[in-house]
C-alpha atoms as a PDB file:
ATOM      1  CA  MET A   1      -3.448  -9.898   8.240  1.00  0.00           C
ATOM      2  CA  ARG A   2      -6.941 -11.461   8.069  1.00  0.00           C
ATOM      3  CA  LEU A   3      -8.685 -10.785   4.773  1.00  0.00           C
ATOM      4  CA  LEU A   4     -11.883 -11.826   3.013  1.00  0.00           C
ATOM      5  CA  ALA A   5     -11.887 -11.663  -0.786  1.00  0.00           C
ATOM      6  CA  ASP A   6     -15.304 -10.836  -2.228  1.00  0.00           C
ATOM      7  CA  GLU A   7     -16.581 -12.976  -5.093  1.00  0.00           C
ATOM      8  CA  ASN A   8     -15.440 -10.343  -7.617  1.00  0.00           C
ATOM      9  CA  PHE A   9     -11.835 -10.319  -6.385  1.00  0.00           C
ATOM     10  CA  PRO A  10      -9.491 -12.099  -8.847  1.00  0.00           C
ATOM     11  CA  ALA A  11      -8.408 -15.625  -7.919  1.00  0.00           C
ATOM     12  CA  ALA A  12      -4.853 -14.763  -8.977  1.00  0.00           C
ATOM     13  CA  ALA A  13      -4.795 -12.019  -6.360  1.00  0.00           C
ATOM     14  CA  VAL A  14      -6.151 -14.372  -3.687  1.00  0.00           C
ATOM     15  CA  ARG A  15      -3.293 -16.798  -4.490  1.00  0.00           C
ATOM     16  CA  ALA A  16      -0.727 -13.986  -4.431  1.00  0.00           C
ATOM     17  CA  LEU A  17      -1.964 -12.721  -1.042  1.00  0.00           C
ATOM     18  CA  ASP A  18      -1.889 -16.247   0.360  1.00  0.00           C
ATOM     19  CA  ALA A  19       1.668 -16.684  -0.916  1.00  0.00           C
ATOM     20  CA  ALA A  20       2.635 -13.362   0.701  1.00  0.00           C
ATOM     21  CA  GLY A  21       1.490 -14.675   4.095  1.00  0.00           C
ATOM     22  CA  ALA A  22      -1.988 -13.164   4.402  1.00  0.00           C
ATOM     23  CA  ASP A  23      -4.710 -15.179   6.136  1.00  0.00           C
ATOM     24  CA  ILE A  24      -7.226 -14.908   3.303  1.00  0.00           C
ATOM     25  CA  ALA A  25     -10.613 -16.534   2.790  1.00  0.00           C
ATOM     26  CA  SER A  26     -12.416 -16.347  -0.541  1.00  0.00           C
ATOM     27  CA  VAL A  27     -16.151 -15.986  -1.028  1.00  0.00           C
ATOM     28  CA  ARG A  28     -15.793 -17.322  -4.563  1.00  0.00           C
ATOM     29  CA  SER A  29     -14.297 -20.631  -3.405  1.00  0.00           C
ATOM     30  CA  ALA A  30     -16.008 -21.084  -0.041  1.00  0.00           C
ATOM     31  CA  ALA A  31     -19.532 -19.700  -0.483  1.00  0.00           C
ATOM     32  CA  PRO A  32     -20.332 -18.259  -3.918  1.00  0.00           C
ATOM     33  CA  GLY A  33     -23.637 -16.461  -4.258  1.00  0.00           C
ATOM     34  CA  LEU A  34     -23.778 -14.952  -0.767  1.00  0.00           C
ATOM     35  CA  SER A  35     -25.600 -11.638  -0.482  1.00  0.00           C
ATOM     36  CA  ASP A  36     -23.554  -8.523   0.266  1.00  0.00           C
ATOM     37  CA  SER A  37     -24.919  -8.396   3.816  1.00  0.00           C
ATOM     38  CA  GLU A  38     -23.934 -12.032   4.385  1.00  0.00           C
ATOM     39  CA  VAL A  39     -20.429 -11.332   3.079  1.00  0.00           C
ATOM     40  CA  LEU A  40     -20.073  -8.358   5.384  1.00  0.00           C
ATOM     41  CA  ALA A  41     -21.383 -10.392   8.334  1.00  0.00           C
ATOM     42  CA  TRP A  42     -18.727 -13.044   7.585  1.00  0.00           C
ATOM     43  CA  ALA A  43     -16.005 -10.385   7.625  1.00  0.00           C
ATOM     44  CA  VAL A  44     -17.257  -9.043  10.971  1.00  0.00           C
ATOM     45  CA  ARG A  45     -17.703 -12.496  12.536  1.00  0.00           C
ATOM     46  CA  GLU A  46     -14.142 -13.578  11.627  1.00  0.00           C
ATOM     47  CA  GLU A  47     -12.567 -10.119  12.147  1.00  0.00           C
ATOM     48  CA  ARG A  48     -11.455  -9.874   8.537  1.00  0.00           C
ATOM     49  CA  VAL A  49     -10.958  -6.947   6.196  1.00  0.00           C
ATOM     50  CA  LEU A  50     -13.192  -7.354   3.125  1.00  0.00           C
ATOM     51  CA  ILE A  51     -11.538  -6.683  -0.259  1.00  0.00           C
ATOM     52  CA  THR A  52     -13.980  -5.861  -3.044  1.00  0.00           C
ATOM     53  CA  PHE A  53     -14.591  -4.016  -6.313  1.00  0.00           C
ATOM     54  CA  ASP A  54     -18.284  -3.571  -5.350  1.00  0.00           C
ATOM     55  CA  LYS A  55     -19.150   0.068  -4.479  1.00  0.00           C
ATOM     56  CA  ASP A  56     -22.310  -1.055  -2.663  1.00  0.00           C
ATOM     57  CA  PHE A  57     -20.206  -2.060   0.327  1.00  0.00           C
ATOM     58  CA  GLY A  58     -19.553   1.614   1.180  1.00  0.00           C
ATOM     59  CA  GLU A  59     -23.146   2.314   2.173  1.00  0.00           C
ATOM     60  CA  LEU A  60     -23.629  -1.164   3.607  1.00  0.00           C
ATOM     61  CA  ALA A  61     -20.544  -0.815   5.825  1.00  0.00           C
ATOM     62  CA  LYS A  62     -21.697   2.598   7.013  1.00  0.00           C
ATOM     63  CA  ALA A  63     -25.194   1.358   7.812  1.00  0.00           C
ATOM     64  CA  SER A  64     -23.855  -1.763   9.564  1.00  0.00           C
ATOM     65  CA  ALA A  65     -21.685   0.105  12.100  1.00  0.00           C
ATOM     66  CA  LEU A  66     -18.743  -2.175  11.543  1.00  0.00           C
ATOM     67  CA  PRO A  67     -16.576  -2.943  14.555  1.00  0.00           C
ATOM     68  CA  ALA A  68     -13.002  -1.667  14.540  1.00  0.00           C
ATOM     69  CA  THR A  69     -11.817  -5.283  14.268  1.00  0.00           C
ATOM     70  CA  SER A  70     -12.858  -5.462  10.607  1.00  0.00           C
ATOM     71  CA  GLY A  71     -12.782  -3.145   7.628  1.00  0.00           C
ATOM     72  CA  VAL A  72     -13.389  -2.759   3.915  1.00  0.00           C
ATOM     73  CA  ILE A  73     -10.953  -2.158   1.065  1.00  0.00           C
ATOM     74  CA  LEU A  74     -12.749  -0.901  -2.040  1.00  0.00           C
ATOM     75  CA  LEU A  75     -10.657  -1.247  -5.180  1.00  0.00           C
ATOM     76  CA  ARG A  76     -11.233   1.408  -7.852  1.00  0.00           C
ATOM     77  CA  LEU A  77      -8.491   0.308 -10.224  1.00  0.00           C
ATOM     78  CA  PRO A  78      -8.569  -0.554 -13.907  1.00  0.00           C
ATOM     79  CA  MET A  79      -8.337  -4.263 -14.467  1.00  0.00           C
ATOM     80  CA  GLN A  80      -5.172  -5.645 -15.962  1.00  0.00           C
ATOM     81  CA  ALA A  81      -4.341  -8.942 -17.581  1.00  0.00           C
ATOM     82  CA  PRO A  82      -5.016 -11.845 -15.182  1.00  0.00           C
ATOM     83  CA  ASP A  83      -1.311 -12.760 -15.001  1.00  0.00           C
ATOM     84  CA  GLU A  84      -0.431  -9.214 -13.873  1.00  0.00           C
ATOM     85  CA  ILE A  85      -3.274  -8.314 -11.534  1.00  0.00           C
ATOM     86  CA  GLY A  86      -2.633 -10.870  -8.796  1.00  0.00           C
ATOM     87  CA  ARG A  87       0.822  -9.675  -7.798  1.00  0.00           C
ATOM     88  CA  ARG A  88      -0.088  -5.968  -8.207  1.00  0.00           C
ATOM     89  CA  LEU A  89      -3.136  -6.188  -5.935  1.00  0.00           C
ATOM     90  CA  ALA A  90      -1.253  -8.288  -3.385  1.00  0.00           C
ATOM     91  CA  ASP A  91       1.585  -5.750  -3.317  1.00  0.00           C
ATOM     92  CA  LEU A  92      -0.843  -2.839  -2.800  1.00  0.00           C
ATOM     93  CA  ILE A  93      -2.665  -4.583   0.037  1.00  0.00           C
ATOM     94  CA  MET A  94       0.399  -6.030   1.784  1.00  0.00           C
ATOM     95  CA  ALA A  95       2.156  -2.637   1.700  1.00  0.00           C
ATOM     96  CA  ARG A  96       0.065  -1.528   4.704  1.00  0.00           C
ATOM     97  CA  LEU A  97      -0.931  -3.118   7.969  1.00  0.00           C
ATOM     98  CA  ASP A  98      -3.520  -0.548   9.076  1.00  0.00           C
ATOM     99  CA  TRP A  99      -6.560  -1.643   7.026  1.00  0.00           C
ATOM    100  CA  THR A 100      -8.451  -2.886  10.103  1.00  0.00           C
ATOM    101  CA  GLY A 101     -10.812  -0.281  11.502  1.00  0.00           C
ATOM    102  CA  HIS A 102     -11.042   1.635   8.213  1.00  0.00           C
ATOM    103  CA  PHE A 103     -13.115   1.955   5.077  1.00  0.00           C
ATOM    104  CA  SER A 104     -10.414   2.320   2.489  1.00  0.00           C
ATOM    105  CA  VAL A 105     -10.431   3.093  -1.222  1.00  0.00           C
ATOM    106  CA  ILE A 106      -7.482   2.204  -3.416  1.00  0.00           C
ATOM    107  CA  GLU A 107      -7.440   4.285  -6.603  1.00  0.00           C
ATOM    108  CA  PRO A 108      -4.740   4.841  -9.189  1.00  0.00           C
ATOM    109  CA  GLY A 109      -2.008   6.788  -7.446  1.00  0.00           C
ATOM    110  CA  ARG A 110      -3.616   7.072  -4.011  1.00  0.00           C
ATOM    111  CA  VAL A 111      -5.222   5.393  -1.042  1.00  0.00           C
ATOM    112  CA  ARG A 112      -8.034   7.080   0.913  1.00  0.00           C
ATOM    113  CA  MET A 113      -8.843   5.813   4.398  1.00  0.00           C
ATOM    114  CA  ARG A 114     -11.651   6.751   6.751  1.00  0.00           C
ATOM    115  CA  PRO A 115     -11.836   5.339  10.258  1.00  0.00           C
ATOM    116  CA  ILE A 116     -14.882   3.256  11.016  1.00  0.00           C
ATOM    117  CA  VAL A 117     -16.913   5.241  13.501  1.00  0.00           C
ATOM    118  CA  ASN A 118     -19.135   3.261  15.843  1.00  0.00           C
ATOM    119  CA  GLU A 119     -21.754   5.547  17.247  1.00  0.00           C
ATOM    120  CA  PRO A 120     -23.779   4.381  20.270  1.00  0.00           C
END
């Protein structure tokens, strides 16, 4: 699974995903300060699923007509202690393999997924 962790995604979760076998890049470590549109362009260019807590990516993804080779996972979860959050987020994300091609929202107790629709 090819993932891109937004700058607001916890470093502990990046490490846990890497340890679980995900191919994950981190905005925080590779290019902090990028604009949202630059982050989304990176995800598209490298065919990665963006993981973020930033609600702005919903509208940006819709307006950008993302290709089905990328996607967005929006996390709407309460933050936990740093030593707990990494493994929990990694487990939630690694539990599925169908993130690509979707705008997904992970909330307490549920996951909502909408296919990315590319209109001509």
